[in-house]
Amino acid sequence: MAQHNETGKQGEAEANRYLREQGYEVMFRNYRYQHAEIDLIAKKGKLLVFVEVKTRTNLSYGNPEEFVSYAKAKLVMKAAEQYIFANDWQHDIRFDIIAVTIAGSELQVKHIEDAFC
């Protein structure tokens, strides 16, 4: 498997761990609908959170969260809409980004709430 795929998996695992530590219940990992994928779907009380995880090992080209494009956000929202409908979710939702930076043995997690809507 390519190194960037391994880095992405490590970032998603770290985001999953982080959310659980913050009191979220992670419902799904890598939820797919048509061509869209949501990295993590988590719940905290009556709040459902759709999370895009971005991981980088090098910040030379920018911070991880800067790589969530408008097109990607639209795909996440499309998949979220389908999830909400299929599960008859009647409460609040939010779209977050978790940016993970891995530099050697140092790991940093940045949680950006309401990143897009």
C-alpha atoms as a PDB file:
ATOM      1  CA  MET A   1       0.000   0.000   0.000  1.00  0.00           C
ATOM      2  CA  ALA A   2       1.256   3.499  -0.818  1.00  0.00           C
ATOM      3  CA  GLN A   3       2.734   5.557   2.007  1.00  0.00           C
ATOM      4  CA  HIS A   4       0.069   8.276   1.701  1.00  0.00           C
ATOM      5  CA  ASN A   5      -2.643   5.638   2.200  1.00  0.00           C
ATOM      6  CA  GLU A   6      -0.931   4.413   5.358  1.00  0.00           C
ATOM      7  CA  THR A   7      -0.617   8.003   6.587  1.00  0.00           C
ATOM      8  CA  GLY A   8      -4.327   8.564   5.956  1.00  0.00           C
ATOM      9  CA  LYS A   9      -5.289   5.410   7.850  1.00  0.00           C
ATOM     10  CA  GLN A  10      -3.086   6.449  10.768  1.00  0.00           C
ATOM     11  CA  GLY A  11      -4.724   9.894  10.789  1.00  0.00           C
ATOM     12  CA  GLU A  12      -8.234   8.408  10.769  1.00  0.00           C
ATOM     13  CA  ALA A  13      -7.340   6.065  13.625  1.00  0.00           C
ATOM     14  CA  GLU A  14      -5.978   9.014  15.600  1.00  0.00           C
ATOM     15  CA  ALA A  15      -9.110  11.098  14.876  1.00  0.00           C
ATOM     16  CA  ASN A  16     -11.268   8.158  15.980  1.00  0.00           C
ATOM     17  CA  ARG A  17      -9.322   7.890  19.240  1.00  0.00           C
ATOM     18  CA  TYR A  18      -9.521  11.657  19.789  1.00  0.00           C
ATOM     19  CA  LEU A  19     -13.300  11.761  19.310  1.00  0.00           C
ATOM     20  CA  ARG A  20     -13.838   8.891  21.732  1.00  0.00           C
ATOM     21  CA  GLU A  21     -11.680  10.657  24.334  1.00  0.00           C
ATOM     22  CA  GLN A  22     -13.861  13.749  23.873  1.00  0.00           C
ATOM     23  CA  GLY A  23     -17.020  11.776  24.648  1.00  0.00           C
ATOM     24  CA  TYR A  24     -18.255  11.100  21.120  1.00  0.00           C
ATOM     25  CA  GLU A  25     -19.599   7.729  20.047  1.00  0.00           C
ATOM     26  CA  VAL A  26     -18.169   6.894  16.637  1.00  0.00           C
ATOM     27  CA  MET A  27     -21.002   5.347  14.635  1.00  0.00           C
ATOM     28  CA  PHE A  28     -19.275   4.712  11.294  1.00  0.00           C
ATOM     29  CA  ARG A  29     -15.851   4.846   9.699  1.00  0.00           C
ATOM     30  CA  ASN A  30     -15.549   5.370   5.952  1.00  0.00           C
ATOM     31  CA  TYR A  31     -19.280   5.639   5.268  1.00  0.00           C
ATOM     32  CA  ARG A  32     -19.878   5.544   1.512  1.00  0.00           C
ATOM     33  CA  TYR A  33     -22.724   6.759  -0.653  1.00  0.00           C
ATOM     34  CA  GLN A  34     -22.271   6.702  -4.434  1.00  0.00           C
ATOM     35  CA  HIS A  35     -18.957   8.528  -5.078  1.00  0.00           C
ATOM     36  CA  ALA A  36     -18.881  10.203  -1.677  1.00  0.00           C
ATOM     37  CA  GLU A  37     -17.199   9.082   1.511  1.00  0.00           C
ATOM     38  CA  ILE A  38     -17.459  10.399   5.046  1.00  0.00           C
ATOM     39  CA  ASP A  39     -14.394   9.502   7.099  1.00  0.00           C
ATOM     40  CA  LEU A  40     -16.164   9.401  10.472  1.00  0.00           C
ATOM     41  CA  ILE A  41     -19.735   9.792  11.667  1.00  0.00           C
ATOM     42  CA  ALA A  42     -19.939  10.433  15.393  1.00  0.00           C
ATOM     43  CA  LYS A  43     -22.689  11.183  17.868  1.00  0.00           C
ATOM     44  CA  LYS A  44     -22.642  13.144  21.097  1.00  0.00           C
ATOM     45  CA  GLY A  45     -26.019  13.331  22.789  1.00  0.00           C
ATOM     46  CA  LYS A  46     -28.470  14.540  20.153  1.00  0.00           C
ATOM     47  CA  LEU A  47     -25.748  15.928  17.877  1.00  0.00           C
ATOM     48  CA  LEU A  48     -24.601  13.986  14.828  1.00  0.00           C
ATOM     49  CA  VAL A  49     -21.192  15.010  13.491  1.00  0.00           C
ATOM     50  CA  PHE A  50     -19.859  14.248  10.017  1.00  0.00           C
ATOM     51  CA  VAL A  51     -16.080  14.414  10.092  1.00  0.00           C
ATOM     52  CA  GLU A  52     -13.568  14.835   7.285  1.00  0.00           C
ATOM     53  CA  VAL A  53     -10.080  13.798   8.414  1.00  0.00           C
ATOM     54  CA  LYS A  54      -7.007  15.266   6.728  1.00  0.00           C
ATOM     55  CA  THR A  55      -3.540  14.045   7.629  1.00  0.00           C
ATOM     56  CA  ARG A  56      -0.174  15.458   6.629  1.00  0.00           C
ATOM     57  CA  THR A  57       3.418  14.611   7.456  1.00  0.00           C
ATOM     58  CA  ASN A  58       4.777  17.806   5.944  1.00  0.00           C
ATOM     59  CA  LEU A  59       3.363  21.317   6.318  1.00  0.00           C
ATOM     60  CA  SER A  60       5.418  22.799   3.462  1.00  0.00           C
ATOM     61  CA  TYR A  61       2.328  23.078   1.274  1.00  0.00           C
ATOM     62  CA  GLY A  62      -0.094  24.141   4.003  1.00  0.00           C
ATOM     63  CA  ASN A  63      -2.064  22.831   6.943  1.00  0.00           C
ATOM     64  CA  PRO A  64      -4.124  19.664   6.512  1.00  0.00           C
ATOM     65  CA  GLU A  65      -7.473  21.430   6.855  1.00  0.00           C
ATOM     66  CA  GLU A  66      -6.651  23.648   3.870  1.00  0.00           C
ATOM     67  CA  PHE A  67      -6.916  20.590   1.624  1.00  0.00           C
ATOM     68  CA  VAL A  68     -10.672  20.126   2.087  1.00  0.00           C
ATOM     69  CA  SER A  69     -11.938  21.465  -1.211  1.00  0.00           C
ATOM     70  CA  TYR A  70     -15.366  22.857  -1.961  1.00  0.00           C
ATOM     71  CA  ALA A  71     -16.041  19.784  -4.115  1.00  0.00           C
ATOM     72  CA  LYS A  72     -15.089  17.446  -1.260  1.00  0.00           C
ATOM     73  CA  ALA A  73     -17.321  19.347   1.175  1.00  0.00           C
ATOM     74  CA  LYS A  74     -20.239  19.028  -1.275  1.00  0.00           C
ATOM     75  CA  LEU A  75     -19.688  15.256  -1.546  1.00  0.00           C
ATOM     76  CA  VAL A  76     -19.610  14.901   2.238  1.00  0.00           C
ATOM     77  CA  MET A  77     -22.828  16.898   2.525  1.00  0.00           C
ATOM     78  CA  LYS A  78     -24.494  14.750  -0.148  1.00  0.00           C
ATOM     79  CA  ALA A  79     -23.571  11.531   1.680  1.00  0.00           C
ATOM     80  CA  ALA A  80     -24.647  13.076   5.001  1.00  0.00           C
ATOM     81  CA  GLU A  81     -28.033  13.976   3.541  1.00  0.00           C
ATOM     82  CA  GLN A  82     -28.535  10.369   2.467  1.00  0.00           C
ATOM     83  CA  TYR A  83     -27.426   9.085   5.895  1.00  0.00           C
ATOM     84  CA  ILE A  84     -29.816  11.455   7.687  1.00  0.00           C
ATOM     85  CA  PHE A  85     -32.717  10.394   5.471  1.00  0.00           C
ATOM     86  CA  ALA A  86     -31.940   6.658   5.701  1.00  0.00           C
ATOM     87  CA  ASN A  87     -31.679   6.788   9.494  1.00  0.00           C
ATOM     88  CA  ASP A  88     -34.516   9.275  10.068  1.00  0.00           C
ATOM     89  CA  TRP A  89     -32.233  11.551  12.109  1.00  0.00           C
ATOM     90  CA  GLN A  90     -34.378  14.328  13.618  1.00  0.00           C
ATOM     91  CA  HIS A  91     -31.787  16.260  15.644  1.00  0.00           C
ATOM     92  CA  ASP A  92     -28.881  18.633  15.092  1.00  0.00           C
ATOM     93  CA  ILE A  93     -25.969  17.929  12.762  1.00  0.00           C
ATOM     94  CA  ARG A  94     -22.542  19.464  12.251  1.00  0.00           C
ATOM     95  CA  PHE A  95     -19.706  19.144   9.745  1.00  0.00           C
ATOM     96  CA  ASP A  96     -16.224  19.092  11.254  1.00  0.00           C
ATOM     97  CA  ILE A  97     -12.654  18.674  10.087  1.00  0.00           C
ATOM     98  CA  ILE A  98     -10.027  16.901  12.133  1.00  0.00           C
ATOM     99  CA  ALA A  99      -6.561  17.859  10.961  1.00  0.00           C
ATOM    100  CA  VAL A 100      -3.811  15.455  11.979  1.00  0.00           C
ATOM    101  CA  THR A 101      -0.151  16.347  11.623  1.00  0.00           C
ATOM    102  CA  ILE A 102       2.453  13.619  12.026  1.00  0.00           C
ATOM    103  CA  ALA A 103       6.051  14.826  12.223  1.00  0.00           C
ATOM    104  CA  GLY A 104       8.340  11.980  13.201  1.00  0.00           C
ATOM    105  CA  SER A 105       7.143  10.760  16.583  1.00  0.00           C
ATOM    106  CA  GLU A 106       5.204  13.973  17.253  1.00  0.00           C
ATOM    107  CA  LEU A 107       1.497  13.906  16.515  1.00  0.00           C
ATOM    108  CA  GLN A 108      -0.899  16.859  16.650  1.00  0.00           C
ATOM    109  CA  VAL A 109      -4.707  16.802  16.360  1.00  0.00           C
ATOM    110  CA  LYS A 110      -6.721  19.925  15.563  1.00  0.00           C
ATOM    111  CA  HIS A 111     -10.534  19.699  15.751  1.00  0.00           C
ATOM    112  CA  ILE A 112     -12.356  22.321  13.706  1.00  0.00           C
ATOM    113  CA  GLU A 113     -16.057  22.406  14.480  1.00  0.00           C
ATOM    114  CA  ASP A 114     -18.584  23.742  11.962  1.00  0.00           C
ATOM    115  CA  ALA A 115     -15.902  23.678   9.284  1.00  0.00           C
ATOM    116  CA  PHE A 116     -18.415  23.823   6.449  1.00  0.00           C
ATOM    117  CA  CYS A 117     -22.156  23.688   5.859  1.00  0.00           C
END
